Protein backbone atom coordinates (compact mmCIF):
# COMPACT_ATOMS: atom_id res chain seq x y z
CA MET A 1 0.00 0.11 -0.26
CA ALA A 2 1.30 3.08 -1.01
CA ARG A 3 2.58 5.74 2.18
CA LEU A 4 0.01 8.32 3.10
CA PRO A 5 0.81 11.79 2.87
CA ARG A 6 2.06 13.21 6.16
CA ARG A 7 0.01 15.14 7.97
CA THR A 8 -0.17 17.69 11.21
CA ARG A 9 2.32 16.65 13.31
CA ALA A 10 2.50 16.55 17.02
CA ARG A 11 2.47 19.88 19.08
CA GLY A 12 6.14 21.23 19.53
CA ASP A 13 6.03 20.38 23.51
CA GLY A 14 4.93 16.80 22.75
CA THR A 15 8.53 16.01 20.00
CA ASP A 16 12.24 15.48 20.94
CA ALA A 17 14.44 17.63 19.40
CA ALA A 18 14.12 15.73 15.79
CA GLY A 19 10.16 16.39 16.01
CA THR A 20 9.28 12.58 16.98
CA PRO A 21 6.31 12.65 19.26
CA LEU A 22 7.12 11.50 23.31
CA LEU A 23 5.73 9.49 25.39
CA ARG A 24 4.54 10.97 28.58
CA ARG A 25 2.98 9.27 31.90
CA ARG A 26 1.86 10.97 34.71
CA ASN A 27 3.96 11.96 37.64
CA GLY A 28 3.16 11.44 41.09
CA LEU A 29 2.86 15.10 42.10
CA PRO A 30 2.10 18.17 39.93
CA ALA A 31 5.35 20.31 39.94
CA TRP A 32 4.03 23.44 41.94
CA ALA A 33 2.75 20.72 44.37
CA SER A 34 5.65 18.89 45.08
CA LEU A 35 8.18 22.37 44.73
CA ALA A 36 5.39 23.94 47.45
CA LEU A 37 5.94 20.98 49.63
CA ARG A 38 9.82 21.36 49.74
CA ILE A 39 9.48 25.05 50.20
CA LEU A 40 7.50 24.17 53.54
CA LEU A 41 9.79 21.45 54.41
CA ALA A 42 13.15 23.34 54.21
CA PHE A 43 11.19 26.58 56.35
CA ALA A 44 9.67 24.12 59.06
CA LEU A 45 13.60 22.63 59.63
CA ILE A 46 15.10 26.17 59.72
CA GLY A 47 12.08 27.33 61.55
CA ILE A 48 12.71 25.04 64.76
CA ALA A 49 16.78 25.59 64.54
CA LEU A 50 15.68 29.27 64.81
CA ALA A 51 13.29 29.04 67.82
CA VAL A 52 15.64 26.62 69.42
CA HIS A 53 18.61 29.31 68.74
CA TRP A 54 15.99 32.04 70.22
CA PHE A 55 14.98 30.62 73.39
CA ASP A 56 18.52 29.41 74.31
CA ARG A 57 20.03 32.71 72.84
CA ASP A 58 22.04 32.65 76.43
CA GLY A 59 24.02 30.13 75.04
CA LEU A 60 25.23 32.12 71.82
CA ARG A 61 28.11 34.85 72.16
CA ASP A 62 28.47 37.46 69.97
CA ASN A 63 32.19 38.45 69.43
CA VAL A 64 31.72 41.73 68.12
CA ASP A 65 29.27 43.75 70.24
CA ASN A 66 28.58 40.92 73.31
CA HIS A 67 24.74 41.61 72.70
CA ILE A 68 22.63 38.92 71.03
CA THR A 69 19.39 40.21 68.79
CA PHE A 70 16.90 38.54 67.08
CA ALA A 71 18.24 39.46 64.22
CA ASP A 72 21.93 37.97 65.55
CA VAL A 73 19.57 34.54 66.09
CA LEU A 74 18.25 34.60 62.58
CA TYR A 75 21.85 35.46 60.95
CA PHE A 76 23.60 32.60 63.11
CA THR A 77 21.00 29.94 62.02
CA MET A 78 20.93 30.77 58.51
CA ILE A 79 24.55 31.16 57.99
CA THR A 80 24.95 27.36 60.72
CA ILE A 81 22.13 26.28 58.30
CA THR A 82 23.96 27.20 54.72
CA THR A 83 27.61 26.92 55.74
CA VAL A 84 30.01 26.23 58.84
CA GLY A 85 29.49 29.52 60.67
CA TYR A 86 31.85 32.66 60.21
CA GLY A 87 33.14 32.47 63.81
CA ASP A 88 31.01 36.19 64.56
CA ILE A 89 28.66 34.15 66.65
CA VAL A 90 29.41 30.93 68.03
CA PRO A 91 27.86 28.54 70.95
CA VAL A 92 29.44 28.84 74.21
CA THR A 93 27.27 26.67 76.34
CA VAL A 94 27.35 22.45 76.37
CA THR A 95 23.28 22.95 75.62
CA SER A 96 24.45 24.90 72.66
CA ARG A 97 26.89 23.06 71.24
CA MET A 98 25.18 19.91 71.35
CA PHE A 99 21.86 21.28 69.69
CA ASP A 100 24.39 22.35 66.73
CA THR A 101 25.97 18.97 66.42
CA PHE A 102 22.95 16.75 66.85
CA VAL A 103 19.83 18.77 65.61
CA VAL A 104 21.40 21.67 63.51
CA THR A 105 24.31 19.39 61.36
CA PRO A 106 21.27 17.17 60.09
CA ILE A 107 18.93 19.96 59.18
CA ARG A 108 21.87 21.58 57.32
CA LEU A 109 22.29 17.94 55.44
CA PHE A 110 18.76 17.64 55.07
CA VAL A 111 18.26 21.09 53.69
CA TRP A 112 20.94 20.65 51.19
CA LEU A 113 19.38 17.58 50.26
CA ILE A 114 15.97 19.00 49.93
CA PHE A 115 17.72 21.88 47.46
CA LEU A 116 19.89 19.03 45.55
CA GLY A 117 16.36 17.09 45.13
CA THR A 118 14.83 20.09 43.87
CA ALA A 119 17.50 20.99 41.43
CA TYR A 120 17.42 17.46 40.14
CA ASP A 121 13.25 17.59 39.70
CA PHE A 122 13.08 20.35 37.90
CA MET A 123 16.28 20.69 35.76
CA LEU A 124 17.99 17.04 35.43
CA LYS A 125 14.49 15.07 36.13
CA GLY A 126 12.95 16.02 33.04
CA VAL A 127 15.91 15.79 30.73
CA TRP A 128 16.48 12.10 32.37
CA GLU A 129 12.64 11.44 32.05
CA ARG A 130 12.43 12.02 28.28
CA TRP A 131 15.25 9.74 28.40
CA ARG A 132 13.61 7.14 29.67
CA MET A 133 10.38 7.45 28.01
CA ARG A 134 11.95 7.77 24.56
CA MET A 135 13.53 3.97 25.98
CA ILE A 136 10.22 2.57 26.59
CA GLN A 137 9.23 4.02 23.58
CA GLY A 138 11.75 2.64 21.39
CA ASN A 139 10.91 -1.09 23.16
CA LEU A 140 7.06 -1.05 23.00
CA HIS A 141 5.74 -4.09 22.11
CA GLY A 142 2.42 -6.24 22.73
CA HIS A 143 0.87 -3.20 23.74
CA VAL A 144 -2.46 -1.55 22.89
CA VAL A 145 -2.92 1.56 21.10
CA VAL A 146 -6.07 3.85 21.18
CA ALA A 147 -6.34 6.61 19.18
CA GLY A 148 -8.50 8.91 20.51
CA TYR A 149 -10.35 8.84 24.02
CA GLY A 150 -13.48 10.48 23.84
CA THR A 151 -16.29 8.79 25.20
CA SER A 152 -15.96 5.20 23.54
CA GLY A 153 -11.93 5.41 23.90
CA ALA A 154 -12.28 5.97 27.64
CA GLN A 155 -14.90 3.47 28.17
CA ALA A 156 -12.45 0.72 25.99
CA VAL A 157 -9.63 1.76 28.56
CA ARG A 158 -11.62 1.37 31.19
CA GLU A 159 -12.68 -1.93 30.36
CA LEU A 160 -9.38 -3.17 29.07
CA ILE A 161 -8.23 -2.43 32.70
CA GLN A 162 -11.45 -4.05 34.06
CA ARG A 163 -10.32 -7.13 32.19
CA SER A 164 -6.71 -7.42 34.13
CA ALA A 165 -4.78 -5.40 31.27
CA ASP A 166 -1.91 -3.50 32.46
CA PRO A 167 -2.42 0.06 32.21
CA GLY A 168 1.55 0.99 31.32
CA GLN A 169 0.89 -1.40 28.26
CA ILE A 170 -1.78 0.98 26.58
CA VAL A 171 -1.05 3.82 24.66
CA VAL A 172 -3.42 6.77 23.96
CA VAL A 173 -3.07 9.16 20.75
CA GLU A 174 -5.28 12.04 21.19
CA SER A 175 -4.49 16.00 20.72
CA GLY A 176 -7.19 17.31 22.99
CA ALA A 177 -4.99 18.17 26.18
CA ALA A 178 -8.00 17.83 28.24
CA ALA A 179 -8.25 14.04 27.36
CA LEU A 180 -4.87 13.38 27.68
CA LYS A 181 -4.77 14.40 30.99
CA ARG A 182 -7.88 12.31 31.76
CA ALA A 183 -5.93 9.26 30.19
CA GLU A 184 -2.82 10.39 32.47
CA ALA A 185 -4.88 9.97 35.28
CA LEU A 186 -5.34 6.55 34.64
CA GLY A 187 -1.56 5.84 34.44
CA LEU A 188 -2.06 5.01 30.71
CA ALA A 189 1.20 6.06 28.30
CA VAL A 190 0.15 8.99 26.62
CA VAL A 191 1.51 11.07 22.83
CA GLU A 192 -0.44 14.14 22.00
CA GLY A 193 -0.91 14.10 18.24
CA ASP A 194 -2.76 13.50 15.16
CA ALA A 195 -3.35 9.57 15.00
CA THR A 196 -3.56 10.46 11.15
CA SER A 197 -0.08 11.06 10.69
CA ASN A 198 2.47 8.34 9.82
CA ASP A 199 5.01 9.52 12.15
CA VAL A 200 2.34 9.56 15.14
CA LEU A 201 1.51 6.13 14.65
CA ALA A 202 5.61 5.06 13.83
CA ALA A 203 6.47 6.62 17.30
CA VAL A 204 4.06 4.58 19.40
CA GLN A 205 4.95 1.48 17.81
CA VAL A 206 1.90 0.37 15.58
CA ALA A 207 3.78 -2.44 14.08
CA ARG A 208 4.63 -4.17 17.37
CA ALA A 209 1.54 -3.70 19.00
CA LYS A 210 -1.03 -6.27 20.05
CA ALA A 211 -4.19 -4.27 18.80
CA ILE A 212 -5.35 -1.01 17.93
CA ILE A 213 -8.60 0.62 18.73
CA VAL A 214 -9.70 3.32 17.12
CA SER A 215 -12.29 6.16 18.00
CA ALA A 216 -11.75 9.68 16.76
CA GLY A 217 -15.27 10.78 16.47
CA ARG A 218 -15.51 11.40 13.44
CA ASP A 219 -16.23 8.82 10.46
CA ASP A 220 -14.19 10.48 8.07
CA THR A 221 -11.09 10.79 10.42
CA SER A 222 -11.08 7.59 11.78
CA ILE A 223 -11.36 5.64 8.37
CA LEU A 224 -8.04 7.61 7.72
CA ILE A 225 -7.00 6.42 10.73
CA VAL A 226 -7.56 3.19 10.01
CA LEU A 227 -5.87 3.55 6.19
CA THR A 228 -2.99 4.67 7.91
CA ALA A 229 -2.66 2.24 10.77
CA ARG A 230 -3.26 -0.89 8.52
CA SER A 231 0.03 0.68 6.14
CA LEU A 232 2.57 0.58 8.95
CA ALA A 233 1.12 -2.42 10.69
CA PRO A 234 -0.21 -5.15 7.85
CA ASP A 235 -0.91 -7.90 10.96
CA VAL A 236 -1.82 -5.97 13.65
CA PRO A 237 -5.70 -6.46 14.52
CA ILE A 238 -7.83 -3.15 14.33
CA SER A 239 -11.07 -2.30 15.83
CA VAL A 240 -12.91 0.81 14.86
CA VAL A 241 -16.43 2.87 15.84
CA ILE A 242 -17.95 3.79 13.12
CA ARG A 243 -21.37 5.77 13.68
CA SER A 244 -22.81 5.71 10.17
CA GLU A 245 -23.79 2.58 8.74
CA ASP A 246 -23.00 3.68 5.11
CA ASN A 247 -19.56 4.15 6.07
CA GLU A 248 -18.78 0.45 7.62
CA PRO A 249 -17.75 -0.68 4.14
CA LEU A 250 -15.49 1.76 3.84
CA ALA A 251 -13.64 1.14 7.15
CA ARG A 252 -13.41 -2.61 6.60
CA GLN A 253 -11.91 -1.61 2.83
CA ALA A 254 -9.58 0.59 4.74
CA GLY A 255 -8.04 -2.26 6.67
CA ALA A 256 -10.19 -2.62 9.81
CA ASP A 257 -10.60 -6.14 11.49
CA THR A 258 -14.23 -5.30 13.39
CA VAL A 259 -16.08 -2.80 12.57
CA ILE A 260 -18.64 -1.62 15.89
CA ASN A 261 -21.58 0.79 15.51
CA PRO A 262 -22.82 2.37 18.48
CA ALA A 263 -26.32 2.87 17.11
CA SER A 264 -26.82 -0.35 15.62
CA PHE A 265 -25.53 -2.41 18.96
CA ALA A 266 -27.73 -0.18 20.55
CA GLY A 267 -30.55 -0.76 18.30
CA LEU A 268 -30.27 -4.59 18.92
CA LEU A 269 -30.36 -3.87 22.53
CA LEU A 270 -33.78 -2.48 21.88
CA ALA A 271 -34.96 -4.83 19.28
CA GLY A 272 -33.88 -7.95 21.55
CA SER A 273 -35.48 -6.38 24.46
CA ILE A 274 -39.08 -6.48 22.68
CA HIS A 275 -39.24 -10.22 22.85
CA GLY A 276 -37.95 -10.48 26.31
CA ARG A 277 -37.10 -7.94 28.74
CA HIS A 278 -33.98 -10.12 29.98
CA ILE A 279 -32.59 -10.45 26.49
CA ALA A 280 -30.59 -7.32 26.39
CA ASP A 281 -29.36 -7.59 30.05
CA TYR A 282 -27.77 -10.86 28.95
CA ILE A 283 -26.21 -9.58 25.61
CA ALA A 284 -24.88 -6.63 27.71
CA ASP A 285 -23.63 -9.04 30.69
CA LEU A 286 -21.60 -10.54 27.81
CA ALA A 287 -20.02 -7.54 26.49
CA ASN A 288 -19.21 -6.07 30.25
CA SER A 289 -16.46 -7.01 32.02
CA GLY A 290 -18.77 -6.82 35.26
CA GLY A 291 -21.19 -9.25 34.03
CA CYS A 292 -21.79 -12.57 35.05
CA VAL A 293 -20.55 -14.14 31.96
CA THR A 294 -17.68 -13.47 29.40
CA LEU A 295 -16.80 -14.06 25.76
CA ASN A 296 -13.63 -15.68 25.33
CA GLU A 297 -11.52 -16.64 21.90
CA ARG A 298 -8.93 -19.14 21.76
CA VAL A 299 -7.37 -21.78 19.29
CA VAL A 300 -8.75 -25.03 19.17
CA THR A 301 -6.37 -27.59 21.83
CA PRO A 302 -4.80 -30.55 20.26
CA ALA A 303 -6.66 -32.56 22.21
CA GLU A 304 -9.87 -31.01 21.18
CA VAL A 305 -9.45 -31.55 17.21
CA GLY A 306 -11.94 -34.32 16.18
CA ALA A 307 -14.58 -33.52 19.34
CA PRO A 308 -17.41 -32.02 18.28
CA LEU A 309 -17.93 -28.19 19.77
CA SER A 310 -20.43 -28.99 22.52
CA ALA A 311 -17.86 -31.31 24.26
CA ILE A 312 -15.14 -28.91 25.10
CA THR A 313 -14.93 -28.71 29.11
CA THR A 314 -13.44 -24.99 29.14
CA GLY A 315 -16.75 -23.16 28.62
CA LEU A 316 -19.78 -23.32 26.40
CA GLY A 317 -18.82 -23.42 22.99
CA MET A 318 -21.06 -20.75 20.50
CA ARG A 319 -19.22 -20.63 17.31
CA ILE A 320 -16.12 -22.01 15.67
CA TYR A 321 -14.04 -19.55 12.93
CA ARG A 322 -12.74 -21.89 9.96
CA GLY A 323 -10.60 -19.57 8.00
CA THR A 324 -13.08 -16.85 6.78
CA ALA A 325 -16.28 -18.84 7.58
CA ALA A 326 -18.27 -19.13 10.99
CA PHE A 327 -20.17 -22.19 12.15
CA GLY A 328 -22.61 -22.11 15.20
CA PHE A 329 -22.51 -24.76 17.46
CA TRP A 330 -25.75 -25.91 15.37
CA GLU A 331 -24.10 -26.38 12.26
CA PRO A 332 -22.48 -29.88 11.03
CA GLN A 333 -19.03 -28.36 10.99
CA ALA A 334 -19.13 -27.56 14.67
CA THR A 335 -19.43 -31.47 15.15
CA LYS A 336 -16.17 -32.11 14.39
CA LEU A 337 -13.41 -29.47 15.49
CA GLU A 338 -10.37 -28.94 13.21
CA ALA A 339 -6.55 -27.75 13.94
CA GLY A 340 -6.49 -23.96 13.66
CA ASP A 341 -10.09 -23.66 14.39
CA LEU A 342 -10.55 -20.38 16.65
CA ILE A 343 -13.84 -21.23 19.46
CA VAL A 344 -15.81 -18.36 20.73
CA GLU A 345 -17.07 -19.72 24.21
CA ALA A 346 -19.04 -18.68 26.84
CA LEU A 347 -17.78 -18.75 30.48
CA PRO A 348 -18.38 -17.65 33.91
CA GLN A 349 -17.09 -14.22 34.67
CA ASN A 350 -14.47 -15.29 37.57
CA ALA A 351 -13.16 -18.44 35.15
CA ARG A 352 -9.49 -18.06 33.91
CA PRO A 353 -9.83 -18.20 30.03
CA PRO A 354 -7.53 -21.34 28.93
CA ARG A 355 -4.34 -20.69 26.82
């Protein structure tokens, strides 16, 4: 397939010097909160030293005028914490010396560690974090790429996490800052950029992904993302949300393996409810990780080859896929499983899917 023309690149604040979109993940605390905590801790430690020096000011001697004022105590405290002192004001009693030895000295070390840690976090850590994320980005494998983090994309991610997916193995590609913040809050890796761009999808290693989920909000954009992704990842399963039934064939032609139409699915549930009030509940139960039953797809095992679908012991066999054909449990083809068949079975929610 011909390479697509490059479209809008990721924003400058989400790329490296070469313009490659960069992966990022949420930090534990916002930068302002971390800085505020460090400043408060440093002032608290200095305040302790200042208070004790003031109440024990009789243990200090001023070699200049032999008179200790609050300004002298403040000066002595700051000089002692930031340096070893100049000798113009010195502790002369045992209590003052022991306090400086066992309290002020550790405070000095802690304050310097706070200063050094702050310099690391706000100067060196950014460089380190970009390098680390670049290494993670280069080694991505077996991850799930979610292009578009709107309502459907976010729901898909929540469902994946509920089904025990590792948030660190889910990469969201989105251009909206608010959506990216919501994704980062779940611990997902995110890339800010246009998912229709070859560069952006290549940056998240779509060719090595386990699956690609496309939910851009617009059918034309979603189809273009599918087309771009398929050109870069010929063998990776692609699922896409399409809202117009007329666009479903276009999405399949673009390379989507699974096309989901929310309106059509809602219509199926509504129609099913007419024929029985529990039918819609059961269908939703199958699709939802919080339901009592779940669907599992797997390859037939060697021990099952030759046996009927109804004989499997791992779950309730519903359908088999043989090549491009699908057969229900009632059809003759399901009476004898063959090597390479894919089995779709219903399992209790807490059952572990067979491997």
